[in-house]
PDB file of N, CA and C in Angstrom:
ATOM      1  N   ASN A   1      -3.551  25.745 -24.512  1.00  0.00           N
ATOM      2  CA  ASN A   1      -3.081  25.497 -23.130  1.00  0.00           C
ATOM      3  C   ASN A   1      -1.280  24.746 -23.969  1.00  0.00           C
ATOM      4  N   ILE A   2      -0.421  25.403 -22.523  1.00  0.00           N
ATOM      5  CA  ILE A   2       0.645  24.501 -22.842  1.00  0.00           C
ATOM      6  C   ILE A   2       1.032  23.914 -21.856  1.00  0.00           C
ATOM      7  N   ALA A   3       1.493  22.862 -21.926  1.00  0.00           N
ATOM      8  CA  ALA A   3       2.157  21.978 -21.047  1.00  0.00           C
ATOM      9  C   ALA A   3       3.522  22.173 -20.276  1.00  0.00           C
ATOM     10  N   ARG A   4       3.643  21.802 -18.804  1.00  0.00           N
ATOM     11  CA  ARG A   4       4.932  21.848 -18.418  1.00  0.00           C
ATOM     12  C   ARG A   4       5.563  20.811 -18.118  1.00  0.00           C
ATOM     13  N   HIS A   5       6.840  20.094 -18.793  1.00  0.00           N
ATOM     14  CA  HIS A   5       7.324  19.084 -17.795  1.00  0.00           C
ATOM     15  C   HIS A   5       7.994  19.250 -16.595  1.00  0.00           C
ATOM     16  N   ARG A   6       8.298  18.637 -15.839  1.00  0.00           N
ATOM     17  CA  ARG A   6       8.767  18.530 -14.346  1.00  0.00           C
ATOM     18  C   ARG A   6       9.965  17.891 -14.643  1.00  0.00           C
ATOM     19  N   SER A   7      10.889  17.673 -14.284  1.00  0.00           N
ATOM     20  CA  SER A   7      11.898  16.560 -13.807  1.00  0.00           C
ATOM     21  C   SER A   7      11.777  15.842 -12.158  1.00  0.00           C
ATOM     22  N   TYR A   8      11.342  15.356 -12.621  1.00  0.00           N
ATOM     23  CA  TYR A   8      11.882  13.924 -11.314  1.00  0.00           C
ATOM     24  C   TYR A   8      13.250  13.471 -10.920  1.00  0.00           C
ATOM     25  N   ASP A   9      13.422  13.411  -9.768  1.00  0.00           N
ATOM     26  CA  ASP A   9      14.486  12.071  -9.153  1.00  0.00           C
ATOM     27  C   ASP A   9      13.817  10.380  -9.123  1.00  0.00           C
ATOM     28  N   ILE A  10      14.214   9.943  -9.705  1.00  0.00           N
ATOM     29  CA  ILE A  10      13.924   8.348 -10.045  1.00  0.00           C
ATOM     30  C   ILE A  10      14.936   7.592  -9.413  1.00  0.00           C
ATOM     31  N   LEU A  11      14.797   6.805  -8.164  1.00  0.00           N
ATOM     32  CA  LEU A  11      15.680   6.306  -7.453  1.00  0.00           C
ATOM     33  C   LEU A  11      15.320   4.790  -7.884  1.00  0.00           C
ATOM     34  N   MET A  12      16.446   3.714  -8.422  1.00  0.00           N
ATOM     35  CA  MET A  12      16.050   2.461  -8.068  1.00  0.00           C
ATOM     36  C   MET A  12      16.615   1.624  -6.580  1.00  0.00           C
ATOM     37  N   GLY A  13      16.170   0.382  -7.350  1.00  0.00           N
ATOM     38  CA  GLY A  13      16.800  -0.142  -5.935  1.00  0.00           C
ATOM     39  C   GLY A  13      16.272  -1.377  -6.267  1.00  0.00           C
ATOM     40  N   MET A  14      16.544  -2.807  -4.970  1.00  0.00           N
ATOM     41  CA  MET A  14      15.986  -4.127  -4.939  1.00  0.00           C
ATOM     42  C   MET A  14      15.773  -3.454  -3.421  1.00  0.00           C
ATOM     43  N   ARG A  15      14.194  -4.758  -3.695  1.00  0.00           N
ATOM     44  CA  ARG A  15      14.090  -4.105  -1.783  1.00  0.00           C
ATOM     45  C   ARG A  15      13.984  -5.904  -1.588  1.00  0.00           C
ATOM     46  N   ASN A  16      13.909  -5.873  -0.774  1.00  0.00           N
ATOM     47  CA  ASN A  16      14.502  -7.582   0.248  1.00  0.00           C
ATOM     48  C   ASN A  16      13.296  -7.928  -0.223  1.00  0.00           C
ATOM     49  N   GLU A  17      12.759  -9.207   0.813  1.00  0.00           N
ATOM     50  CA  GLU A  17      11.972 -10.134   1.257  1.00  0.00           C
ATOM     51  C   GLU A  17      11.063  -8.852   2.340  1.00  0.00           C
ATOM     52  N   VAL A  18      10.077  -9.532   2.269  1.00  0.00           N
ATOM     53  CA  VAL A  18       8.815  -8.170   3.319  1.00  0.00           C
ATOM     54  C   VAL A  18       7.532  -9.146   3.588  1.00  0.00           C
ATOM     55  N   THR A  19       7.627  -9.075   5.127  1.00  0.00           N
ATOM     56  CA  THR A  19       5.973  -9.723   5.175  1.00  0.00           C
ATOM     57  C   THR A  19       4.951  -8.768   5.183  1.00  0.00           C
ATOM     58  N   LEU A  20       3.544  -8.750   5.148  1.00  0.00           N
ATOM     59  CA  LEU A  20       2.961  -7.826   4.522  1.00  0.00           C
ATOM     60  C   LEU A  20       1.340  -7.924   5.446  1.00  0.00           C
ATOM     61  N   ILE A  21       0.814  -7.275   5.333  1.00  0.00           N
ATOM     62  CA  ILE A  21      -0.278  -7.904   6.048  1.00  0.00           C
ATOM     63  C   ILE A  21      -1.673  -6.353   4.749  1.00  0.00           C
ATOM     64  N   THR A  22      -2.096  -7.166   4.359  1.00  0.00           N
ATOM     65  CA  THR A  22      -2.896  -6.864   3.213  1.00  0.00           C
ATOM     66  C   THR A  22      -4.888  -6.698   3.413  1.00  0.00           C
ATOM     67  N   GLN A  23      -5.150  -5.854   2.974  1.00  0.00           N
ATOM     68  CA  GLN A  23      -6.733  -5.923   2.571  1.00  0.00           C
ATOM     69  C   GLN A  23      -7.176  -4.978   1.388  1.00  0.00           C
ATOM     70  N   ARG A  24      -7.531  -6.845   0.376  1.00  0.00           N
ATOM     71  CA  ARG A  24      -7.634  -6.024  -1.269  1.00  0.00           C
ATOM     72  C   ARG A  24      -9.254  -5.789  -0.922  1.00  0.00           C
ATOM     73  N   VAL A  25     -10.237  -5.139  -1.510  1.00  0.00           N
ATOM     74  CA  VAL A  25     -11.462  -3.532  -1.630  1.00  0.00           C
ATOM     75  C   VAL A  25     -12.083  -3.143  -2.631  1.00  0.00           C
ATOM     76  N   LYS A  26     -12.759  -2.999  -2.423  1.00  0.00           N
ATOM     77  CA  LYS A  26     -13.365  -2.437  -4.186  1.00  0.00           C
ATOM     78  C   LYS A  26     -14.415  -1.662  -3.140  1.00  0.00           C
ATOM     79  N   ILE A  27     -13.431  -0.197  -2.567  1.00  0.00           N
ATOM     80  CA  ILE A  27     -13.892   1.359  -2.001  1.00  0.00           C
ATOM     81  C   ILE A  27     -14.250   2.034  -3.363  1.00  0.00           C
ATOM     82  N   ASP A  28     -14.760   2.933  -2.342  1.00  0.00           N
ATOM     83  CA  ASP A  28     -14.997   4.514  -3.263  1.00  0.00           C
ATOM     84  C   ASP A  28     -13.127   5.282  -2.650  1.00  0.00           C
ATOM     85  N   ILE A  29     -12.769   6.075  -3.292  1.00  0.00           N
ATOM     86  CA  ILE A  29     -11.263   6.109  -2.967  1.00  0.00           C
ATOM     87  C   ILE A  29     -11.524   7.085  -2.098  1.00  0.00           C
ATOM     88  N   ASP A  30     -12.527   8.241  -1.647  1.00  0.00           N
ATOM     89  CA  ASP A  30     -12.717   8.691  -0.355  1.00  0.00           C
ATOM     90  C   ASP A  30     -12.219   8.318   0.654  1.00  0.00           C
ATOM     91  N   ASP A  31     -12.548   6.896   0.785  1.00  0.00           N
ATOM     92  CA  ASP A  31     -12.754   5.881   1.958  1.00  0.00           C
ATOM     93  C   ASP A  31     -11.912   5.406   2.148  1.00  0.00           C
ATOM     94  N   MET A  32     -10.362   6.135   0.707  1.00  0.00           N
ATOM     95  CA  MET A  32      -8.856   4.465   1.129  1.00  0.00           C
ATOM     96  C   MET A  32      -8.748   4.871   3.274  1.00  0.00           C
ATOM     97  N   ASP A  33      -8.531   6.390   3.353  1.00  0.00           N
ATOM     98  CA  ASP A  33      -8.473   6.349   4.535  1.00  0.00           C
ATOM     99  C   ASP A  33      -8.211   5.977   6.353  1.00  0.00           C
ATOM    100  N   ASP A  34     -10.242   4.995   6.022  1.00  0.00           N
ATOM    101  CA  ASP A  34     -10.465   4.752   6.573  1.00  0.00           C
ATOM    102  C   ASP A  34     -10.184   3.045   6.861  1.00  0.00           C
ATOM    103  N   TYR A  35     -10.915   2.606   6.008  1.00  0.00           N
ATOM    104  CA  TYR A  35      -9.632   1.242   5.614  1.00  0.00           C
ATOM    105  C   TYR A  35      -8.164   1.172   5.484  1.00  0.00           C
ATOM    106  N   PHE A  36      -7.491   2.285   5.067  1.00  0.00           N
ATOM    107  CA  PHE A  36      -6.221   2.097   5.888  1.00  0.00           C
ATOM    108  C   PHE A  36      -6.207   2.103   8.183  1.00  0.00           C
ATOM    109  N   TYR A  37      -7.011   3.070   8.345  1.00  0.00           N
ATOM    110  CA  TYR A  37      -7.201   3.308   9.779  1.00  0.00           C
ATOM    111  C   TYR A  37      -7.433   1.171  10.277  1.00  0.00           C
ATOM    112  N   ASP A  38      -8.831   1.021   9.627  1.00  0.00           N
ATOM    113  CA  ASP A  38      -9.199  -0.234  10.052  1.00  0.00           C
ATOM    114  C   ASP A  38      -8.119  -0.938   9.943  1.00  0.00           C
ATOM    115  N   LEU A  39      -6.724  -1.148   8.791  1.00  0.00           N
ATOM    116  CA  LEU A  39      -5.940  -2.410   8.453  1.00  0.00           C
ATOM    117  C   LEU A  39      -4.990  -1.872   9.866  1.00  0.00           C
ATOM    118  N   TYR A  40      -4.444  -0.650  10.156  1.00  0.00           N
ATOM    119  CA  TYR A  40      -3.522  -0.281  10.955  1.00  0.00           C
ATOM    120  C   TYR A  40      -4.325  -0.981  12.383  1.00  0.00           C
ATOM    121  N   GLU A  41      -4.832  -0.721  12.704  1.00  0.00           N
ATOM    122  CA  GLU A  41      -6.178  -1.275  13.593  1.00  0.00           C
ATOM    123  C   GLU A  41      -5.968  -2.258  14.104  1.00  0.00           C
ATOM    124  N   GLU A  42      -5.399  -3.349  13.012  1.00  0.00           N
ATOM    125  CA  GLU A  42      -5.358  -4.935  12.947  1.00  0.00           C
ATOM    126  C   GLU A  42      -3.854  -5.121  13.246  1.00  0.00           C
ATOM    127  N   VAL A  43      -3.409  -4.373  12.787  1.00  0.00           N
ATOM    128  CA  VAL A  43      -1.421  -4.219  13.292  1.00  0.00           C
ATOM    129  C   VAL A  43      -1.407  -4.431  14.105  1.00  0.00           C
ATOM    130  N   GLN A  44      -2.237  -3.555  15.070  1.00  0.00           N
ATOM    131  CA  GLN A  44      -1.803  -2.481  16.899  1.00  0.00           C
ATOM    132  C   GLN A  44      -2.726  -4.319  17.382  1.00  0.00           C
ATOM    133  N   LYS A  45      -2.980  -4.650  16.631  1.00  0.00           N
ATOM    134  CA  LYS A  45      -4.050  -5.778  18.187  1.00  0.00           C
ATOM    135  C   LYS A  45      -3.327  -7.065  18.448  1.00  0.00           C
ATOM    136  N   ASN A  46      -2.709  -7.439  17.064  1.00  0.00           N
ATOM    137  CA  ASN A  46      -2.020  -8.425  16.578  1.00  0.00           C
ATOM    138  C   ASN A  46      -0.179  -7.908  17.441  1.00  0.00           C
ATOM    139  N   ASN A  47      -0.410  -6.666  17.355  1.00  0.00           N
ATOM    140  CA  ASN A  47       1.456  -6.404  18.817  1.00  0.00           C
ATOM    141  C   ASN A  47       2.079  -6.779  16.918  1.00  0.00           C
ATOM    142  N   PHE A  48       2.121  -6.581  16.098  1.00  0.00           N
ATOM    143  CA  PHE A  48       2.876  -6.461  15.017  1.00  0.00           C
ATOM    144  C   PHE A  48       4.024  -5.539  15.006  1.00  0.00           C
ATOM    145  N   GLN A  49       5.362  -5.325  14.154  1.00  0.00           N
ATOM    146  CA  GLN A  49       6.130  -4.833  14.365  1.00  0.00           C
ATOM    147  C   GLN A  49       5.758  -3.775  12.284  1.00  0.00           C
ATOM    148  N   ILE A  50       5.103  -2.674  12.402  1.00  0.00           N
ATOM    149  CA  ILE A  50       5.388  -2.404  11.733  1.00  0.00           C
ATOM    150  C   ILE A  50       6.992  -2.136  11.536  1.00  0.00           C
ATOM    151  N   VAL A  51       7.822  -2.859   9.714  1.00  0.00           N
ATOM    152  CA  VAL A  51       9.096  -1.912   8.961  1.00  0.00           C
ATOM    153  C   VAL A  51       8.858  -1.245   7.966  1.00  0.00           C
ATOM    154  N   GLY A  52       7.829  -0.777   7.444  1.00  0.00           N
ATOM    155  CA  GLY A  52       8.568   0.432   6.130  1.00  0.00           C
ATOM    156  C   GLY A  52       6.948   0.794   6.410  1.00  0.00           C
ATOM    157  N   SER A  53       7.200   1.610   4.871  1.00  0.00           N
ATOM    158  CA  SER A  53       5.436   3.033   4.892  1.00  0.00           C
ATOM    159  C   SER A  53       4.469   1.720   3.646  1.00  0.00           C
ATOM    160  N   PRO A  54       3.850   2.662   4.331  1.00  0.00           N
ATOM    161  CA  PRO A  54       2.493   1.579   3.889  1.00  0.00           C
ATOM    162  C   PRO A  54       2.113   1.826   2.209  1.00  0.00           C
ATOM    163  N   SER A  55       1.598   1.721   1.748  1.00  0.00           N
ATOM    164  CA  SER A  55       1.326   1.113   0.046  1.00  0.00           C
ATOM    165  C   SER A  55       0.134   0.375  -0.557  1.00  0.00           C
ATOM    166  N   ALA A  56      -0.389   1.570  -1.728  1.00  0.00           N
ATOM    167  CA  ALA A  56      -1.731   0.725  -2.143  1.00  0.00           C
ATOM    168  C   ALA A  56      -0.931   0.339  -3.483  1.00  0.00           C
ATOM    169  N   VAL A  57      -2.248  -0.759  -3.925  1.00  0.00           N
ATOM    170  CA  VAL A  57      -2.199  -1.642  -5.331  1.00  0.00           C
ATOM    171  C   VAL A  57      -3.218  -1.444  -5.840  1.00  0.00           C
ATOM    172  N   PHE A  58      -4.055  -0.265  -6.957  1.00  0.00           N
ATOM    173  CA  PHE A  58      -4.623  -0.440  -7.398  1.00  0.00           C
ATOM    174  C   PHE A  58      -4.520  -1.667  -8.704  1.00  0.00           C
ATOM    175  N   TYR A  59      -5.367  -2.003  -8.742  1.00  0.00           N
ATOM    176  CA  TYR A  59      -5.976  -3.219  -9.881  1.00  0.00           C
ATOM    177  C   TYR A  59      -6.453  -2.269 -10.974  1.00  0.00           C
ATOM    178  N   ASP A  60      -7.141  -1.582 -10.762  1.00  0.00           N
ATOM    179  CA  ASP A  60      -8.397  -1.492 -12.172  1.00  0.00           C
ATOM    180  C   ASP A  60      -7.217  -1.110 -13.877  1.00  0.00           C
ATOM    181  N   GLU A  61      -7.735  -1.263 -14.154  1.00  0.00           N
ATOM    182  CA  GLU A  61      -7.151  -1.067 -15.692  1.00  0.00           C
ATOM    183  C   GLU A  61      -7.580   0.197 -15.919  1.00  0.00           C
ATOM    184  N   GLU A  62      -8.769   0.897 -15.488  1.00  0.00           N
ATOM    185  CA  GLU A  62      -9.380   2.264 -15.096  1.00  0.00           C
ATOM    186  C   GLU A  62      -9.368   3.131 -14.234  1.00  0.00           C
ATOM    187  N   TYR A  63      -9.330   3.937 -13.677  1.00  0.00           N
ATOM    188  CA  TYR A  63      -9.090   4.525 -12.634  1.00  0.00           C
ATOM    189  C   TYR A  63     -10.941   5.183 -12.375  1.00  0.00           C
ATOM    190  N   ILE A  64     -11.723   4.955 -11.427  1.00  0.00           N
ATOM    191  CA  ILE A  64     -12.597   4.626 -11.380  1.00  0.00           C
ATOM    192  C   ILE A  64     -13.075   5.365 -10.021  1.00  0.00           C
ATOM    193  N   PRO A  65     -12.468   6.499  -9.774  1.00  0.00           N
ATOM    194  CA  PRO A  65     -12.515   6.340  -8.526  1.00  0.00           C
ATOM    195  C   PRO A  65     -13.760   5.855  -7.181  1.00  0.00           C
ATOM    196  N   SER A  66     -15.069   6.004  -7.144  1.00  0.00           N
ATOM    197  CA  SER A  66     -15.452   5.938  -6.982  1.00  0.00           C
ATOM    198  C   SER A  66     -16.312   3.860  -6.791  1.00  0.00           C
ATOM    199  N   ASN A  67     -15.308   3.270  -7.565  1.00  0.00           N
ATOM    200  CA  ASN A  67     -15.123   2.255  -7.397  1.00  0.00           C
ATOM    201  C   ASN A  67     -13.627   1.322  -7.615  1.00  0.00           C
ATOM    202  N   SER A  68     -12.951   1.805  -6.898  1.00  0.00           N
ATOM    203  CA  SER A  68     -11.514   0.936  -7.355  1.00  0.00           C
ATOM    204  C   SER A  68     -11.417  -0.015  -6.820  1.00  0.00           C
ATOM    205  N   ASP A  69     -10.218  -0.627  -7.502  1.00  0.00           N
ATOM    206  CA  ASP A  69     -10.350  -2.371  -6.733  1.00  0.00           C
ATOM    207  C   ASP A  69      -8.777  -1.752  -6.333  1.00  0.00           C
ATOM    208  N   ILE A  70      -8.579  -2.013  -4.729  1.00  0.00           N
ATOM    209  CA  ILE A  70      -7.224  -1.941  -4.157  1.00  0.00           C
ATOM    210  C   ILE A  70      -7.127  -2.663  -3.200  1.00  0.00           C
ATOM    211  N   GLU A  71      -6.134  -3.302  -3.752  1.00  0.00           N
ATOM    212  CA  GLU A  71      -4.749  -3.543  -2.233  1.00  0.00           C
ATOM    213  C   GLU A  71      -4.062  -2.349  -1.107  1.00  0.00           C
ATOM    214  N   LEU A  72      -4.553  -2.620  -0.028  1.00  0.00           N
ATOM    215  CA  LEU A  72      -3.685  -1.727   1.271  1.00  0.00           C
ATOM    216  C   LEU A  72      -3.084  -3.572   1.832  1.00  0.00           C
ATOM    217  N   ARG A  73      -2.148  -2.759   2.105  1.00  0.00           N
ATOM    218  CA  ARG A  73      -0.546  -3.122   2.455  1.00  0.00           C
ATOM    219  C   ARG A  73       0.432  -2.371   3.475  1.00  0.00           C
ATOM    220  N   ILE A  74       0.473  -3.106   4.540  1.00  0.00           N
ATOM    221  CA  ILE A  74       1.087  -2.902   5.423  1.00  0.00           C
ATOM    222  C   ILE A  74       2.769  -3.181   5.793  1.00  0.00           C
ATOM    223  N   PRO A  75       3.928  -3.447   5.812  1.00  0.00           N
ATOM    224  CA  PRO A  75       5.112  -4.295   5.807  1.00  0.00           C
ATOM    225  C   PRO A  75       5.258  -4.691   7.028  1.00  0.00           C
ATOM    226  N   VAL A  76       4.727  -5.446   8.180  1.00  0.00           N
ATOM    227  CA  VAL A  76       5.129  -6.098   9.303  1.00  0.00           C
ATOM    228  C   VAL A  76       6.077  -7.024   9.915  1.00  0.00           C
ATOM    229  N   MET A  77       6.727  -6.989  10.937  1.00  0.00           N
ATOM    230  CA  MET A  77       8.010  -7.816  10.862  1.00  0.00           C
ATOM    231  C   MET A  77       7.048  -8.770  11.272  1.00  0.00           C
ATOM    232  N   GLN A  78       7.592 -10.101  10.594  1.00  0.00           N
ATOM    233  CA  GLN A  78       7.304 -11.730  10.579  1.00  0.00           C
ATOM    234  C   GLN A  78       6.924 -11.978  11.981  1.00  0.00           C
ATOM    235  N   GLY A  79       5.451 -12.719  12.360  1.00  0.00           N
ATOM    236  CA  GLY A  79       4.935 -12.609  13.931  1.00  0.00           C
ATOM    237  C   GLY A  79       3.746 -13.899  14.481  1.00  0.00           C
ATOM    238  N   ASN A  80       3.888 -13.955  15.267  1.00  0.00           N
ATOM    239  CA  ASN A  80       2.875 -15.576  15.151  1.00  0.00           C
ATOM    240  C   ASN A  80       1.049 -14.335  14.695  1.00  0.00           C
ATOM    241  N   ASP A  81       0.423 -14.581  13.076  1.00  0.00           N
ATOM    242  CA  ASP A  81      -0.728 -14.390  12.672  1.00  0.00           C
ATOM    243  C   ASP A  81      -1.762 -15.472  12.722  1.00  0.00           C
ATOM    244  N   GLU A  82      -1.777 -16.225  13.595  1.00  0.00           N
ATOM    245  CA  GLU A  82      -3.042 -16.934  14.044  1.00  0.00           C
ATOM    246  C   GLU A  82      -4.833 -16.115  14.130  1.00  0.00           C
ATOM    247  N   ASP A  83      -4.659 -14.682  14.737  1.00  0.00           N
ATOM    248  CA  ASP A  83      -5.248 -14.304  14.759  1.00  0.00           C
ATOM    249  C   ASP A  83      -6.447 -13.219  14.115  1.00  0.00           C
ATOM    250  N   VAL A  84      -4.690 -13.334  13.264  1.00  0.00           N
ATOM    251  CA  VAL A  84      -5.561 -11.700  11.587  1.00  0.00           C
ATOM    252  C   VAL A  84      -6.876 -12.664  11.311  1.00  0.00           C
ATOM    253  N   ALA A  85      -7.874 -11.435  11.244  1.00  0.00           N
ATOM    254  CA  ALA A  85      -9.442 -11.459  10.788  1.00  0.00           C
ATOM    255  C   ALA A  85      -9.199 -12.370  10.019  1.00  0.00           C
ATOM    256  N   PRO A  86     -10.515 -12.858   9.218  1.00  0.00           N
ATOM    257  CA  PRO A  86     -10.466 -12.601   7.947  1.00  0.00           C
ATOM    258  C   PRO A  86     -10.704 -12.059   6.676  1.00  0.00           C
ATOM    259  N   GLU A  87     -11.212 -11.273   6.675  1.00  0.00           N
ATOM    260  CA  GLU A  87     -10.964  -9.896   5.545  1.00  0.00           C
ATOM    261  C   GLU A  87      -9.534  -9.614   5.746  1.00  0.00           C
ATOM    262  N   TYR A  88      -8.287  -9.742   6.422  1.00  0.00           N
ATOM    263  CA  TYR A  88      -7.001  -9.541   5.692  1.00  0.00           C
ATOM    264  C   TYR A  88      -6.215 -10.880   6.208  1.00  0.00           C
ATOM    265  N   GLU A  89      -4.928 -10.597   5.083  1.00  0.00           N
ATOM    266  CA  GLU A  89      -3.975 -11.336   4.074  1.00  0.00           C
ATOM    267  C   GLU A  89      -2.979 -10.883   4.919  1.00  0.00           C
ATOM    268  N   MET A  90      -1.883 -12.060   4.685  1.00  0.00           N
ATOM    269  CA  MET A  90      -0.594 -12.229   5.434  1.00  0.00           C
ATOM    270  C   MET A  90      -0.377 -12.820   4.142  1.00  0.00           C
ATOM    271  N   LYS A  91       1.081 -11.895   3.606  1.00  0.00           N
ATOM    272  CA  LYS A  91       1.685 -12.106   2.761  1.00  0.00           C
ATOM    273  C   LYS A  91       3.019 -11.905   2.633  1.00  0.00           C
ATOM    274  N   GLN A  92       3.951 -12.838   2.072  1.00  0.00           N
ATOM    275  CA  GLN A  92       5.489 -12.393   1.852  1.00  0.00           C
ATOM    276  C   GLN A  92       6.019 -12.387  -0.057  1.00  0.00           C
ATOM    277  N   LEU A  93       6.338 -10.724   0.429  1.00  0.00           N
ATOM    278  CA  LEU A  93       6.471 -10.341  -0.562  1.00  0.00           C
ATOM    279  C   LEU A  93       7.963 -11.184  -0.963  1.00  0.00           C
ATOM    280  N   SER A  94       8.338 -11.426  -1.557  1.00  0.00           N
ATOM    281  CA  SER A  94       9.327 -11.524  -2.671  1.00  0.00           C
ATOM    282  C   SER A  94      10.575 -10.603  -3.105  1.00  0.00           C
ATOM    283  N   PRO A  95      11.947 -11.091  -2.959  1.00  0.00           N
ATOM    284  CA  PRO A  95      13.000  -9.730  -3.009  1.00  0.00           C
ATOM    285  C   PRO A  95      12.590  -8.760  -4.293  1.00  0.00           C
ATOM    286  N   HIS A  96      12.805  -7.715  -4.914  1.00  0.00           N
ATOM    287  CA  HIS A  96      11.925  -7.772  -5.885  1.00  0.00           C
ATOM    288  C   HIS A  96      12.630  -6.312  -6.474  1.00  0.00           C
ATOM    289  N   HIS A  97      13.232  -5.447  -7.332  1.00  0.00           N
ATOM    290  CA  HIS A  97      13.634  -4.751  -7.827  1.00  0.00           C
ATOM    291  C   HIS A  97      12.265  -3.239  -7.784  1.00  0.00           C
ATOM    292  N   ILE A  98      13.180  -2.137  -7.486  1.00  0.00           N
ATOM    293  CA  ILE A  98      11.296  -1.500  -7.403  1.00  0.00           C
ATOM    294  C   ILE A  98      11.947  -0.236  -7.736  1.00  0.00           C
ATOM    295  N   VAL A  99      11.418   0.566  -8.217  1.00  0.00           N
ATOM    296  CA  VAL A  99      11.751   2.199  -8.865  1.00  0.00           C
ATOM    297  C   VAL A  99      10.907   3.032  -7.873  1.00  0.00           C
ATOM    298  N   THR A 100      11.146   4.554  -7.749  1.00  0.00           N
ATOM    299  CA  THR A 100      10.243   4.881  -6.560  1.00  0.00           C
ATOM    300  C   THR A 100      11.133   6.804  -6.928  1.00  0.00           C
ATOM    301  N   THR A 101       9.202   7.727  -7.042  1.00  0.00           N
ATOM    302  CA  THR A 101      10.125   8.993  -7.230  1.00  0.00           C
ATOM    303  C   THR A 101       8.555   9.891  -6.493  1.00  0.00           C
ATOM    304  N   MET A 102       9.119  11.114  -5.940  1.00  0.00           N
ATOM    305  CA  MET A 102       8.239  11.605  -5.649  1.00  0.00           C
ATOM    306  C   MET A 102       7.380  13.187  -5.816  1.00  0.00           C
ATOM    307  N   HIS A 103       6.533  13.439  -5.420  1.00  0.00           N
ATOM    308  CA  HIS A 103       5.641  14.666  -6.324  1.00  0.00           C
ATOM    309  C   HIS A 103       5.465  15.551  -5.425  1.00  0.00           C
ATOM    310  N   TYR A 104       6.517  16.706  -5.653  1.00  0.00           N
ATOM    311  CA  TYR A 104       5.933  17.808  -4.590  1.00  0.00           C
ATOM    312  C   TYR A 104       5.097  18.329  -4.782  1.00  0.00           C
ATOM    313  N   GLY A 105       3.869  19.394  -4.584  1.00  0.00           N
ATOM    314  CA  GLY A 105       3.729  20.062  -4.554  1.00  0.00           C
ATOM    315  C   GLY A 105       1.694  19.623  -5.244  1.00  0.00           C
ATOM    316  N   SER A 106       1.342  20.762  -6.122  1.00  0.00           N
ATOM    317  CA  SER A 106      -0.054  20.454  -6.646  1.00  0.00           C
ATOM    318  C   SER A 106       0.316  19.483  -7.999  1.00  0.00           C
ATOM    319  N   TYR A 107      -0.699  18.550  -8.054  1.00  0.00           N
ATOM    320  CA  TYR A 107      -0.907  17.910  -8.971  1.00  0.00           C
ATOM    321  C   TYR A 107      -1.621  19.016 -10.464  1.00  0.00           C
ATOM    322  N   ASP A 108      -2.202  19.790 -10.404  1.00  0.00           N
ATOM    323  CA  ASP A 108      -2.856  20.421 -10.971  1.00  0.00           C
ATOM    324  C   ASP A 108      -1.553  20.956 -12.250  1.00  0.00           C
TER     325      ASP A 108
END
């Protein structure tokens, strides 16, 4: 089995402060879309304006697909968050450095 090396564009930058609506859950990775759907419904219910792409933070040291500790995040325009359901949390993410890349194609 010969390992193939792929080249990736790596982009570095600075992200401004951003407000997030988040939910931290321990779930089967196959159910993540359902939880994101519910998070988007909470955004809509509170009339938040989405200002960026959703993301997920994986907190486990080891990847266990059937029981992953994940924080789902959607960046929103800061607004009235008094009516946000208790299972969700509003967070301020301070300015920070970011590194990003994009993978195209199969993971095989």
